[in-house]
Amino acid sequence: MKVLGIDPGLANTGYGVVQRRSGRLAALDGGVITTASDMPMERRLVKLHARVLELLVEHQPDAVALEALYFGQNARSAFAVGQARGVVLLAAGAQGLTTTDYTPQQVKGAVCGSGRAEKDQVQRMVQALLSLPELPRPDHAADALAVAICHANHAPLTAAVAARRHARPTQPAVR
């Protein structure tokens, strides 16, 4: 399974491509897509869309996983992140790929064992889980790799549970 993980943002969108082979995880790519704040919003979104499409064509992932939108104190930045997420969803949908959202707490829990882990702990665990020679930087790229790891570890279990539900014959209600 190959997963493109995305940490969406308008100024900085982190991406990470992780592949699971024979039970082991490997990082295939990672980085940040940046857009300049002095560019018009529509041009920033076009740039983001074009680069995400390039990544999808280059890596041919089986799935796309995104960090879910977090509404903190700043509603304005949340709207910008929402627009960036929409562009990523559009690119994935145009390629016929399914997408899955994970909250920051789910990602941290999957990678570090605690949903309250600090950013530096996430970076160190991503480095360890992917056997990287150095800490993944910047933090947006590390977060995207963590999202991809979360999905790569979560998807097989989800698929097995779904398959079992569909294979199970329906039981009549006991009265």
Protein backbone atom coordinates (compact mmCIF):
# COMPACT_ATOMS: atom_id res chain seq x y z
CA MET A 1 0.00 0.00 0.00
CA LYS A 2 1.25 3.45 -0.93
CA VAL A 3 -0.21 6.51 0.83
CA LEU A 4 0.13 10.21 0.11
CA GLY A 5 -0.21 12.04 3.42
CA ILE A 6 -1.12 15.72 3.40
CA ASP A 7 -0.84 18.38 6.11
CA PRO A 8 -2.93 21.05 4.37
CA GLY A 9 -2.28 24.76 4.53
CA LEU A 10 -2.45 27.71 2.19
CA ALA A 11 1.08 29.03 2.77
CA ASN A 12 2.62 25.61 3.49
CA THR A 13 1.15 22.24 2.57
CA GLY A 14 3.22 19.34 3.82
CA TYR A 15 3.26 16.10 1.86
CA GLY A 16 4.71 12.69 2.51
CA VAL A 17 4.57 9.44 0.56
CA VAL A 18 4.84 6.24 2.57
CA GLN A 19 4.76 2.69 1.30
CA ARG A 20 4.10 -0.48 3.28
CA ARG A 21 5.96 -3.51 1.95
CA SER A 22 6.07 -6.81 3.78
CA GLY A 23 4.94 -5.16 6.99
CA ARG A 24 7.62 -2.44 6.86
CA LEU A 25 7.12 1.25 6.22
CA ALA A 26 9.36 3.28 3.93
CA ALA A 27 9.34 6.96 3.05
CA LEU A 28 9.38 7.55 -0.70
CA ASP A 29 9.09 11.33 -0.73
CA GLY A 30 8.30 14.29 1.46
CA GLY A 31 8.40 18.04 1.44
CA VAL A 32 6.37 21.22 1.49
CA ILE A 33 4.40 23.02 -1.21
CA THR A 34 4.67 26.75 -0.54
CA THR A 35 2.68 29.64 -1.90
CA ALA A 36 3.57 33.30 -1.47
CA SER A 37 1.27 35.45 0.62
CA ASP A 38 1.42 38.25 -1.98
CA MET A 39 -0.11 36.00 -4.66
CA PRO A 40 -3.86 36.25 -5.25
CA MET A 41 -5.78 33.49 -3.49
CA GLU A 42 -6.93 31.84 -6.72
CA ARG A 43 -3.34 31.63 -8.04
CA ARG A 44 -2.16 30.10 -4.76
CA LEU A 45 -4.85 27.44 -5.01
CA VAL A 46 -3.99 26.73 -8.65
CA LYS A 47 -0.32 26.26 -7.70
CA LEU A 48 -1.26 23.92 -4.86
CA HIS A 49 -3.62 21.91 -7.09
CA ALA A 50 -1.03 21.55 -9.85
CA ARG A 51 1.66 20.31 -7.46
CA VAL A 52 -0.67 17.82 -5.74
CA LEU A 53 -1.67 16.46 -9.15
CA GLU A 54 2.03 16.09 -10.03
CA LEU A 55 2.59 14.11 -6.82
CA LEU A 56 -0.41 11.88 -7.55
CA VAL A 57 0.76 11.15 -11.09
CA GLU A 58 4.38 10.62 -10.02
CA HIS A 59 3.72 8.31 -7.06
CA GLN A 60 0.42 6.65 -8.02
CA PRO A 61 -0.71 6.23 -4.38
CA ASP A 62 -3.47 3.84 -3.37
CA ALA A 63 -4.96 6.40 -1.01
CA VAL A 64 -4.68 9.99 0.18
CA ALA A 65 -4.82 10.81 3.89
CA LEU A 66 -5.28 14.33 5.19
CA GLU A 67 -5.01 15.94 8.56
CA ALA A 68 -8.52 17.06 9.49
CA LEU A 69 -9.32 20.73 9.78
CA TYR A 70 -8.73 22.05 13.27
CA PHE A 71 -10.70 25.12 14.29
CA GLY A 72 -8.51 26.95 16.77
CA GLN A 73 -8.65 30.60 17.67
CA ASN A 74 -8.23 31.97 14.14
CA ALA A 75 -11.28 31.39 11.94
CA ARG A 76 -9.64 33.23 9.02
CA SER A 77 -6.74 30.79 8.84
CA ALA A 78 -9.18 27.88 9.26
CA PHE A 79 -11.03 29.04 6.13
CA ALA A 80 -7.75 29.23 4.19
CA VAL A 81 -6.81 25.72 5.33
CA GLY A 82 -10.30 24.57 4.30
CA GLN A 83 -9.76 25.95 0.82
CA ALA A 84 -6.40 24.18 0.57
CA ARG A 85 -8.06 20.94 1.74
CA GLY A 86 -10.72 21.37 -0.94
CA VAL A 87 -8.06 21.65 -3.63
CA VAL A 88 -6.37 18.46 -2.38
CA LEU A 89 -9.72 16.64 -2.27
CA LEU A 90 -10.47 17.80 -5.82
CA ALA A 91 -7.10 16.55 -7.09
CA ALA A 92 -7.54 13.17 -5.38
CA GLY A 93 -11.13 12.82 -6.58
CA ALA A 94 -10.12 13.66 -10.15
CA GLN A 95 -7.65 10.75 -9.97
CA GLY A 96 -10.33 8.40 -8.60
CA LEU A 97 -8.66 8.11 -5.19
CA THR A 98 -10.34 7.78 -1.84
CA THR A 99 -9.38 10.18 0.92
CA THR A 100 -9.45 9.73 4.67
CA ASP A 101 -9.28 12.40 7.36
CA TYR A 102 -7.45 11.98 10.65
CA THR A 103 -7.55 14.44 13.53
CA PRO A 104 -4.22 15.68 14.86
CA GLN A 105 -4.87 13.62 18.00
CA GLN A 106 -5.44 10.45 15.95
CA VAL A 107 -2.21 11.01 14.02
CA LYS A 108 -0.17 11.70 17.16
CA GLY A 109 -1.71 8.67 18.86
CA ALA A 110 -0.92 6.41 15.91
CA VAL A 111 2.67 7.59 15.63
CA CYS A 112 3.62 8.40 19.23
CA GLY A 113 1.10 6.51 21.35
CA SER A 114 -0.28 9.75 22.77
CA GLY A 115 -2.64 12.24 21.18
CA ARG A 116 -0.92 15.00 23.15
CA ALA A 117 2.58 14.45 21.78
CA GLU A 118 4.67 17.52 20.99
CA LYS A 119 5.86 18.32 17.45
CA ASP A 120 9.46 17.32 18.18
CA GLN A 121 8.29 13.95 19.51
CA VAL A 122 6.28 13.39 16.31
CA GLN A 123 9.37 14.20 14.24
CA ARG A 124 11.53 11.76 16.22
CA MET A 125 8.96 8.96 15.97
CA VAL A 126 8.50 9.51 12.22
CA GLN A 127 12.27 9.30 11.86
CA ALA A 128 12.35 6.05 13.84
CA LEU A 129 9.33 4.42 12.17
CA LEU A 130 10.63 5.19 8.67
CA SER A 131 14.30 4.53 9.50
CA LEU A 132 15.28 7.99 8.27
CA PRO A 133 18.91 9.07 8.75
CA GLU A 134 17.81 12.56 9.89
CA LEU A 135 14.76 14.19 11.43
CA PRO A 136 12.17 14.97 8.76
CA ARG A 137 12.05 18.72 8.26
CA PRO A 138 10.30 21.07 8.10
CA ASP A 139 7.58 20.14 10.55
CA HIS A 140 4.85 20.31 7.87
CA ALA A 141 6.62 17.51 5.97
CA ALA A 142 7.03 15.50 9.19
CA ASP A 143 3.33 15.96 9.96
CA ALA A 144 2.37 14.78 6.46
CA LEU A 145 4.57 11.69 6.81
CA ALA A 146 2.88 11.04 10.18
CA VAL A 147 -0.55 11.26 8.52
CA ALA A 148 0.58 8.76 5.88
CA ILE A 149 1.93 6.41 8.58
CA CYS A 150 -1.36 6.70 10.47
CA HIS A 151 -3.32 5.67 7.39
CA ALA A 152 -0.91 2.92 6.35
CA ASN A 153 -1.30 1.36 9.80
CA HIS A 154 -5.03 2.02 10.12
CA ALA A 155 -6.30 1.09 6.64
CA PRO A 156 -5.64 -2.70 6.77
CA LEU A 157 -7.56 -3.00 10.04
CA THR A 158 -10.43 -0.91 8.70
CA ALA A 159 -10.58 -3.03 5.53
CA ALA A 160 -10.56 -6.27 7.54
CA VAL A 161 -13.39 -5.07 9.79
CA ALA A 162 -15.44 -3.93 6.78
CA ALA A 163 -14.86 -7.24 4.97
CA ARG A 164 -15.91 -9.17 8.02
CA ARG A 165 -19.11 -7.13 8.37
CA HIS A 166 -20.01 -7.79 4.73
CA ALA A 167 -19.21 -11.51 4.97
CA ARG A 168 -21.19 -12.07 8.14
CA PRO A 169 -24.70 -13.40 7.45
CA THR A 170 -27.43 -11.33 8.97
CA GLN A 171 -28.85 -12.80 12.13
CA PRO A 172 -32.54 -12.54 12.94
CA ALA A 173 -33.28 -10.46 15.99
CA VAL A 174 -33.69 -12.46 19.18
CA ARG A 175 -36.99 -11.80 20.95
